[in-house]
All heavy atoms as atom14 arrays in JSON, in Angstrom:
{
  "sequence": "SVVLYNVMDENNLRQRMALDTNNYDFDIIFIGRMT",
  "atom14_mask": [
    [1, 1, 1, 1, 1, 1, 0, 0, 0, 0, 0, 0, 0, 0],
    [1, 1, 1, 1, 1, 1, 1, 0, 0, 0, 0, 0, 0, 0],
    [1, 1, 1, 1, 1, 1, 1, 0, 0, 0, 0, 0, 0, 0],
    [1, 1, 1, 1, 1, 1, 1, 1, 0, 0, 0, 0, 0, 0],
    [1, 1, 1, 1, 1, 1, 1, 1, 1, 1, 1, 1, 0, 0],
    [1, 1, 1, 1, 1, 1, 1, 1, 0, 0, 0, 0, 0, 0],
    [1, 1, 1, 1, 1, 1, 1, 0, 0, 0, 0, 0, 0, 0],
    [1, 1, 1, 1, 1, 1, 1, 1, 0, 0, 0, 0, 0, 0],
    [1, 1, 1, 1, 1, 1, 1, 1, 0, 0, 0, 0, 0, 0],
    [1, 1, 1, 1, 1, 1, 1, 1, 1, 0, 0, 0, 0, 0],
    [1, 1, 1, 1, 1, 1, 1, 1, 0, 0, 0, 0, 0, 0],
    [1, 1, 1, 1, 1, 1, 1, 1, 0, 0, 0, 0, 0, 0],
    [1, 1, 1, 1, 1, 1, 1, 1, 0, 0, 0, 0, 0, 0],
    [1, 1, 1, 1, 1, 1, 1, 1, 1, 1, 1, 0, 0, 0],
    [1, 1, 1, 1, 1, 1, 1, 1, 1, 0, 0, 0, 0, 0],
    [1, 1, 1, 1, 1, 1, 1, 1, 1, 1, 1, 0, 0, 0],
    [1, 1, 1, 1, 1, 1, 1, 1, 0, 0, 0, 0, 0, 0],
    [1, 1, 1, 1, 1, 0, 0, 0, 0, 0, 0, 0, 0, 0],
    [1, 1, 1, 1, 1, 1, 1, 1, 0, 0, 0, 0, 0, 0],
    [1, 1, 1, 1, 1, 1, 1, 1, 0, 0, 0, 0, 0, 0],
    [1, 1, 1, 1, 1, 1, 1, 0, 0, 0, 0, 0, 0, 0],
    [1, 1, 1, 1, 1, 1, 1, 1, 0, 0, 0, 0, 0, 0],
    [1, 1, 1, 1, 1, 1, 1, 1, 0, 0, 0, 0, 0, 0],
    [1, 1, 1, 1, 1, 1, 1, 1, 1, 1, 1, 1, 0, 0],
    [1, 1, 1, 1, 1, 1, 1, 1, 0, 0, 0, 0, 0, 0],
    [1, 1, 1, 1, 1, 1, 1, 1, 1, 1, 1, 0, 0, 0],
    [1, 1, 1, 1, 1, 1, 1, 1, 0, 0, 0, 0, 0, 0],
    [1, 1, 1, 1, 1, 1, 1, 1, 0, 0, 0, 0, 0, 0],
    [1, 1, 1, 1, 1, 1, 1, 1, 0, 0, 0, 0, 0, 0],
    [1, 1, 1, 1, 1, 1, 1, 1, 1, 1, 1, 0, 0, 0],
    [1, 1, 1, 1, 1, 1, 1, 1, 0, 0, 0, 0, 0, 0],
    [1, 1, 1, 1, 0, 0, 0, 0, 0, 0, 0, 0, 0, 0],
    [1, 1, 1, 1, 1, 1, 1, 1, 1, 1, 1, 0, 0, 0],
    [1, 1, 1, 1, 1, 1, 1, 1, 0, 0, 0, 0, 0, 0],
    [1, 1, 1, 1, 1, 1, 1, 0, 0, 0, 0, 0, 0, 0]
  ],
  "atom14_positions": [
    [[-7.62, 21.43, 16.53], [-8.42, 20.39, 15.9], [-8.05, 20.17, 14.44], [-7.65, 21.11, 13.74], [-9.92, 20.72, 15.98], [-10.38, 20.66, 17.31], [0.0, 0.0, 0.0], [0.0, 0.0, 0.0], [0.0, 0.0, 0.0], [0.0, 0.0, 0.0], [0.0, 0.0, 0.0], [0.0, 0.0, 0.0], [0.0, 0.0, 0.0], [0.0, 0.0, 0.0]],
    [[-8.19, 18.93, 13.98], [-8.02, 18.58, 12.58], [-9.09, 17.55, 12.22], [-9.38, 16.65, 13.0], [-6.61, 18.03, 12.29], [-6.32, 16.78, 13.09], [-6.42, 17.76, 10.8], [0.0, 0.0, 0.0], [0.0, 0.0, 0.0], [0.0, 0.0, 0.0], [0.0, 0.0, 0.0], [0.0, 0.0, 0.0], [0.0, 0.0, 0.0], [0.0, 0.0, 0.0]],
    [[-9.71, 17.72, 11.06], [-10.65, 16.72, 10.55], [-9.86, 15.75, 9.68], [-9.23, 16.15, 8.7], [-11.78, 17.37, 9.73], [-12.67, 16.3, 9.1], [-12.61, 18.28, 10.64], [0.0, 0.0, 0.0], [0.0, 0.0, 0.0], [0.0, 0.0, 0.0], [0.0, 0.0, 0.0], [0.0, 0.0, 0.0], [0.0, 0.0, 0.0], [0.0, 0.0, 0.0]],
    [[-9.87, 14.48, 10.09], [-9.12, 13.44, 9.38], [-10.08, 12.29, 9.05], [-10.45, 11.51, 9.93], [-7.95, 12.94, 10.22], [-7.03, 11.89, 9.59], [-6.36, 12.44, 8.33], [-5.98, 11.42, 10.59], [0.0, 0.0, 0.0], [0.0, 0.0, 0.0], [0.0, 0.0, 0.0], [0.0, 0.0, 0.0], [0.0, 0.0, 0.0], [0.0, 0.0, 0.0]],
    [[-10.47, 12.21, 7.8], [-11.4, 11.17, 7.37], [-10.71, 9.8, 7.42], [-9.55, 9.67, 7.03], [-11.9, 11.46, 5.96], [-12.84, 12.63, 5.87], [-12.37, 13.92, 5.58], [-14.2, 12.46, 6.09], [-13.24, 15.0, 5.5], [-15.08, 13.53, 6.01], [-14.59, 14.8, 5.72], [-15.45, 15.86, 5.66], [0.0, 0.0, 0.0], [0.0, 0.0, 0.0]],
    [[-11.43, 8.81, 7.9], [-10.9, 7.45, 7.91], [-10.57, 6.99, 6.5], [-11.16, 7.46, 5.52], [-11.91, 6.47, 8.52], [-12.12, 6.71, 10.0], [-11.26, 7.25, 10.68], [-13.27, 6.3, 10.51], [0.0, 0.0, 0.0], [0.0, 0.0, 0.0], [0.0, 0.0, 0.0], [0.0, 0.0, 0.0], [0.0, 0.0, 0.0], [0.0, 0.0, 0.0]],
    [[-9.65, 6.04, 6.41], [-9.33, 5.41, 5.14], [-9.27, 3.9, 5.35], [-9.17, 3.42, 6.48], [-7.98, 5.9, 4.57], [-8.05, 7.35, 4.17], [-6.84, 5.66, 5.57], [0.0, 0.0, 0.0], [0.0, 0.0, 0.0], [0.0, 0.0, 0.0], [0.0, 0.0, 0.0], [0.0, 0.0, 0.0], [0.0, 0.0, 0.0], [0.0, 0.0, 0.0]],
    [[-9.3, 3.16, 4.27], [-9.23, 1.71, 4.33], [-8.05, 1.23, 3.49], [-7.9, 1.63, 2.33], [-10.53, 1.09, 3.8], [-10.53, -0.43, 3.68], [-10.08, -1.29, 5.2], [-11.29, -0.61, 6.36], [0.0, 0.0, 0.0], [0.0, 0.0, 0.0], [0.0, 0.0, 0.0], [0.0, 0.0, 0.0], [0.0, 0.0, 0.0], [0.0, 0.0, 0.0]],
    [[-7.21, 0.4, 4.09], [-6.1, -0.22, 3.39], [-6.66, -1.4, 2.58], [-6.92, -2.47, 3.12], [-5.04, -0.7, 4.39], [-3.79, -1.24, 3.71], [-3.88, -1.68, 2.55], [-2.73, -1.25, 4.35], [0.0, 0.0, 0.0], [0.0, 0.0, 0.0], [0.0, 0.0, 0.0], [0.0, 0.0, 0.0], [0.0, 0.0, 0.0], [0.0, 0.0, 0.0]],
    [[-6.85, -1.18, 1.28], [-7.51, -2.19, 0.45], [-6.69, -3.48, 0.37], [-7.27, -4.57, 0.38], [-7.75, -1.63, -0.95], [-8.57, -2.55, -1.83], [-8.97, -1.91, -3.14], [-9.01, -0.66, -3.21], [-9.27, -2.66, -4.1], [0.0, 0.0, 0.0], [0.0, 0.0, 0.0], [0.0, 0.0, 0.0], [0.0, 0.0, 0.0], [0.0, 0.0, 0.0]],
    [[-5.37, -3.37, 0.29], [-4.54, -4.57, 0.21], [-4.68, -5.42, 1.46], [-4.83, -6.65, 1.39], [-3.08, -4.19, -0.01], [-2.83, -3.62, -1.39], [-3.54, -3.94, -2.34], [-1.83, -2.76, -1.51], [0.0, 0.0, 0.0], [0.0, 0.0, 0.0], [0.0, 0.0, 0.0], [0.0, 0.0, 0.0], [0.0, 0.0, 0.0], [0.0, 0.0, 0.0]],
    [[-4.64, -4.76, 2.63], [-4.8, -5.49, 3.88], [-6.19, -6.1, 3.98], [-6.35, -7.24, 4.45], [-4.55, -4.54, 5.06], [-4.69, -5.21, 6.41], [-5.75, -5.13, 7.04], [-3.65, -5.87, 6.85], [0.0, 0.0, 0.0], [0.0, 0.0, 0.0], [0.0, 0.0, 0.0], [0.0, 0.0, 0.0], [0.0, 0.0, 0.0], [0.0, 0.0, 0.0]],
    [[-7.2, -5.37, 3.53], [-8.57, -5.87, 3.56], [-8.7, -7.14, 2.71], [-9.31, -8.13, 3.13], [-9.52, -4.79, 3.05], [-11.0, -5.18, 2.92], [-11.6, -5.54, 4.27], [-11.79, -4.05, 2.26], [0.0, 0.0, 0.0], [0.0, 0.0, 0.0], [0.0, 0.0, 0.0], [0.0, 0.0, 0.0], [0.0, 0.0, 0.0], [0.0, 0.0, 0.0]],
    [[-8.11, -7.12, 1.53], [-8.21, -8.29, 0.65], [-7.4, -9.47, 1.18], [-7.77, -10.63, 0.97], [-7.79, -7.91, -0.77], [-8.8, -6.97, -1.43], [-8.55, -6.76, -2.9], [-9.58, -5.88, -3.46], [-10.77, -6.28, -3.87], [-11.1, -7.56, -3.79], [-11.64, -5.42, -4.35], [0.0, 0.0, 0.0], [0.0, 0.0, 0.0], [0.0, 0.0, 0.0]],
    [[-6.32, -9.19, 1.89], [-5.57, -10.27, 2.53], [-6.41, -10.94, 3.61], [-6.43, -12.17, 3.73], [-4.28, -9.72, 3.14], [-3.22, -9.34, 2.12], [-2.05, -8.6, 2.72], [-1.94, -8.45, 3.95], [-1.17, -8.09, 1.88], [0.0, 0.0, 0.0], [0.0, 0.0, 0.0], [0.0, 0.0, 0.0], [0.0, 0.0, 0.0], [0.0, 0.0, 0.0]],
    [[-7.14, -10.13, 4.39], [-8.01, -10.69, 5.42], [-9.18, -11.44, 4.78], [-9.6, -12.49, 5.28], [-8.53, -9.57, 6.34], [-7.49, -9.03, 7.28], [-8.09, -8.17, 8.38], [-8.44, -6.85, 7.92], [-9.67, -6.39, 7.83], [-10.7, -7.16, 8.16], [-9.91, -5.16, 7.43], [0.0, 0.0, 0.0], [0.0, 0.0, 0.0], [0.0, 0.0, 0.0]],
    [[-9.69, -10.91, 3.68], [-10.8, -11.57, 3.0], [-10.38, -12.95, 2.51], [-11.16, -13.91, 2.55], [-11.26, -10.71, 1.83], [-12.51, -11.23, 1.14], [-13.04, -10.14, -0.21], [-11.81, -10.53, -1.44], [0.0, 0.0, 0.0], [0.0, 0.0, 0.0], [0.0, 0.0, 0.0], [0.0, 0.0, 0.0], [0.0, 0.0, 0.0], [0.0, 0.0, 0.0]],
    [[-9.13, -13.09, 2.08], [-8.65, -14.36, 1.55], [-8.56, -15.45, 2.61], [-8.49, -16.64, 2.27], [-7.28, -14.16, 0.89], [0.0, 0.0, 0.0], [0.0, 0.0, 0.0], [0.0, 0.0, 0.0], [0.0, 0.0, 0.0], [0.0, 0.0, 0.0], [0.0, 0.0, 0.0], [0.0, 0.0, 0.0], [0.0, 0.0, 0.0], [0.0, 0.0, 0.0]],
    [[-8.57, -15.05, 3.88], [-8.51, -16.04, 4.96], [-9.82, -16.82, 5.1], [-9.84, -17.89, 5.7], [-8.18, -15.34, 6.29], [-6.82, -14.63, 6.37], [-6.71, -13.87, 7.69], [-5.67, -15.61, 6.2], [0.0, 0.0, 0.0], [0.0, 0.0, 0.0], [0.0, 0.0, 0.0], [0.0, 0.0, 0.0], [0.0, 0.0, 0.0], [0.0, 0.0, 0.0]],
    [[-10.89, -16.27, 4.55], [-12.21, -16.91, 4.61], [-12.48, -17.57, 3.25], [-12.68, -16.89, 2.25], [-13.28, -15.86, 4.93], [-14.67, -16.47, 5.12], [-14.84, -17.68, 4.86], [-15.58, -15.72, 5.54], [0.0, 0.0, 0.0], [0.0, 0.0, 0.0], [0.0, 0.0, 0.0], [0.0, 0.0, 0.0], [0.0, 0.0, 0.0], [0.0, 0.0, 0.0]],
    [[-12.46, -18.88, 3.22], [-12.64, -19.61, 1.96], [-14.09, -19.97, 1.67], [-14.38, -20.65, 0.68], [-11.79, -20.9, 1.98], [-12.2, -21.7, 3.1], [-10.31, -20.57, 2.09], [0.0, 0.0, 0.0], [0.0, 0.0, 0.0], [0.0, 0.0, 0.0], [0.0, 0.0, 0.0], [0.0, 0.0, 0.0], [0.0, 0.0, 0.0], [0.0, 0.0, 0.0]],
    [[-15.02, -19.52, 2.51], [-16.44, -19.8, 2.29], [-17.0, -18.88, 1.21], [-16.46, -17.8, 0.92], [-17.22, -19.59, 3.59], [-16.83, -20.59, 4.65], [-16.8, -21.79, 4.41], [-16.5, -20.1, 5.84], [0.0, 0.0, 0.0], [0.0, 0.0, 0.0], [0.0, 0.0, 0.0], [0.0, 0.0, 0.0], [0.0, 0.0, 0.0], [0.0, 0.0, 0.0]],
    [[-18.11, -19.31, 0.62], [-18.86, -18.47, -0.3], [-20.23, -18.16, 0.31], [-20.84, -19.02, 0.95], [-19.05, -19.19, -1.65], [-17.75, -19.35, -2.4], [-16.97, -18.4, -2.51], [-17.5, -20.53, -2.93], [0.0, 0.0, 0.0], [0.0, 0.0, 0.0], [0.0, 0.0, 0.0], [0.0, 0.0, 0.0], [0.0, 0.0, 0.0], [0.0, 0.0, 0.0]],
    [[-20.7, -16.94, 0.11], [-21.96, -16.49, 0.7], [-22.88, -15.98, -0.41], [-22.4, -15.44, -1.42], [-21.69, -15.38, 1.73], [-20.71, -15.79, 2.8], [-19.35, -15.52, 2.67], [-21.13, -16.46, 3.94], [-18.44, -15.89, 3.65], [-20.23, -16.84, 4.94], [-18.89, -16.57, 4.77], [-17.99, -16.96, 5.74], [0.0, 0.0, 0.0], [0.0, 0.0, 0.0]],
    [[-24.17, -16.12, -0.21], [-25.12, -15.69, -1.25], [-26.15, -14.71, -0.72], [-27.33, -14.75, -1.1], [-25.8, -16.9, -1.88], [-26.65, -17.7, -0.88], [-26.54, -17.45, 0.33], [-27.43, -18.57, -1.32], [0.0, 0.0, 0.0], [0.0, 0.0, 0.0], [0.0, 0.0, 0.0], [0.0, 0.0, 0.0], [0.0, 0.0, 0.0], [0.0, 0.0, 0.0]],
    [[-25.74, -13.82, 0.16], [-26.66, -12.82, 0.71], [-26.88, -11.7, -0.29], [-25.95, -11.27, -0.98], [-26.12, -12.26, 2.03], [-26.0, -13.28, 3.11], [-24.76, -13.68, 3.59], [-27.14, -13.87, 3.64], [-24.65, -14.64, 4.59], [-27.04, -14.83, 4.64], [-25.79, -15.21, 5.11], [0.0, 0.0, 0.0], [0.0, 0.0, 0.0], [0.0, 0.0, 0.0]],
    [[-28.11, -11.21, -0.35], [-28.42, -10.05, -1.16], [-28.04, -8.76, -0.44], [-27.5, -7.83, -1.05], [-29.92, -10.01, -1.49], [-30.36, -11.21, -2.3], [-29.8, -11.42, -3.38], [-31.25, -11.95, -1.82], [0.0, 0.0, 0.0], [0.0, 0.0, 0.0], [0.0, 0.0, 0.0], [0.0, 0.0, 0.0], [0.0, 0.0, 0.0], [0.0, 0.0, 0.0]],
    [[-28.34, -8.72, 0.85], [-28.16, -7.51, 1.65], [-27.41, -7.89, 2.91], [-27.68, -8.94, 3.52], [-29.52, -6.88, 2.01], [-30.26, -6.42, 0.75], [-29.36, -5.72, 2.99], [-31.71, -6.02, 1.0], [0.0, 0.0, 0.0], [0.0, 0.0, 0.0], [0.0, 0.0, 0.0], [0.0, 0.0, 0.0], [0.0, 0.0, 0.0], [0.0, 0.0, 0.0]],
    [[-26.48, -7.04, 3.33], [-25.76, -7.29, 4.58], [-25.71, -6.03, 5.43], [-25.57, -4.91, 4.92], [-24.32, -7.8, 4.29], [-23.66, -8.31, 5.58], [-23.46, -6.74, 3.61], [-22.38, -9.1, 5.36], [0.0, 0.0, 0.0], [0.0, 0.0, 0.0], [0.0, 0.0, 0.0], [0.0, 0.0, 0.0], [0.0, 0.0, 0.0], [0.0, 0.0, 0.0]],
    [[-25.91, -6.23, 6.73], [-25.69, -5.19, 7.72], [-24.57, -5.68, 8.62], [-24.6, -6.82, 9.1], [-26.94, -4.91, 8.56], [-26.65, -4.07, 9.78], [-26.68, -2.69, 9.7], [-26.31, -4.67, 11.0], [-26.37, -1.91, 10.81], [-26.02, -3.9, 12.1], [-26.04, -2.52, 12.01], [0.0, 0.0, 0.0], [0.0, 0.0, 0.0], [0.0, 0.0, 0.0]],
    [[-23.58, -4.82, 8.89], [-22.48, -5.15, 9.8], [-22.36, -4.04, 10.82], [-22.11, -2.89, 10.48], [-21.14, -5.31, 9.05], [-21.25, -6.38, 7.97], [-20.01, -5.66, 10.02], [-20.01, -6.49, 7.08], [0.0, 0.0, 0.0], [0.0, 0.0, 0.0], [0.0, 0.0, 0.0], [0.0, 0.0, 0.0], [0.0, 0.0, 0.0], [0.0, 0.0, 0.0]],
    [[-22.53, -4.37, 12.09], [-22.42, -3.36, 13.14], [-22.97, -3.84, 14.46], [-23.54, -4.93, 14.56], [0.0, 0.0, 0.0], [0.0, 0.0, 0.0], [0.0, 0.0, 0.0], [0.0, 0.0, 0.0], [0.0, 0.0, 0.0], [0.0, 0.0, 0.0], [0.0, 0.0, 0.0], [0.0, 0.0, 0.0], [0.0, 0.0, 0.0], [0.0, 0.0, 0.0]],
    [[-22.84, -3.03, 15.45], [-23.31, -3.37, 16.79], [-24.83, -3.28, 16.85], [-25.44, -2.44, 16.2], [-22.71, -2.42, 17.83], [-21.19, -2.45, 17.9], [-20.69, -1.42, 18.9], [-19.24, -1.32, 18.89], [-18.55, -0.43, 19.6], [-19.2, 0.44, 20.37], [-17.23, -0.41, 19.56], [0.0, 0.0, 0.0], [0.0, 0.0, 0.0], [0.0, 0.0, 0.0]],
    [[-25.4, -4.14, 17.66], [-26.84, -4.09, 17.9], [-27.11, -3.1, 19.04], [-27.39, -3.48, 20.17], [-27.37, -5.48, 18.23], [-27.33, -6.44, 17.04], [-28.1, -8.02, 17.45], [-28.09, -8.82, 15.86], [0.0, 0.0, 0.0], [0.0, 0.0, 0.0], [0.0, 0.0, 0.0], [0.0, 0.0, 0.0], [0.0, 0.0, 0.0], [0.0, 0.0, 0.0]],
    [[-27.0, -1.82, 18.72], [-27.13, -0.77, 19.71], [-28.05, 0.32, 19.18], [-28.35, 0.39, 17.98], [-25.75, -0.16, 20.05], [-25.17, 0.34, 18.83], [-24.82, -1.19, 20.65], [0.0, 0.0, 0.0], [0.0, 0.0, 0.0], [0.0, 0.0, 0.0], [0.0, 0.0, 0.0], [0.0, 0.0, 0.0], [0.0, 0.0, 0.0], [0.0, 0.0, 0.0]]
  ]
}
């Protein structure tokens, strides 16, 4: 066994973010499955 903490590729994340040209004004956000 090995414990391997997840990581996030910030450059890739910002590239994906740039694909959405909308602006949002939410104070709080939840993202996940309704389970």
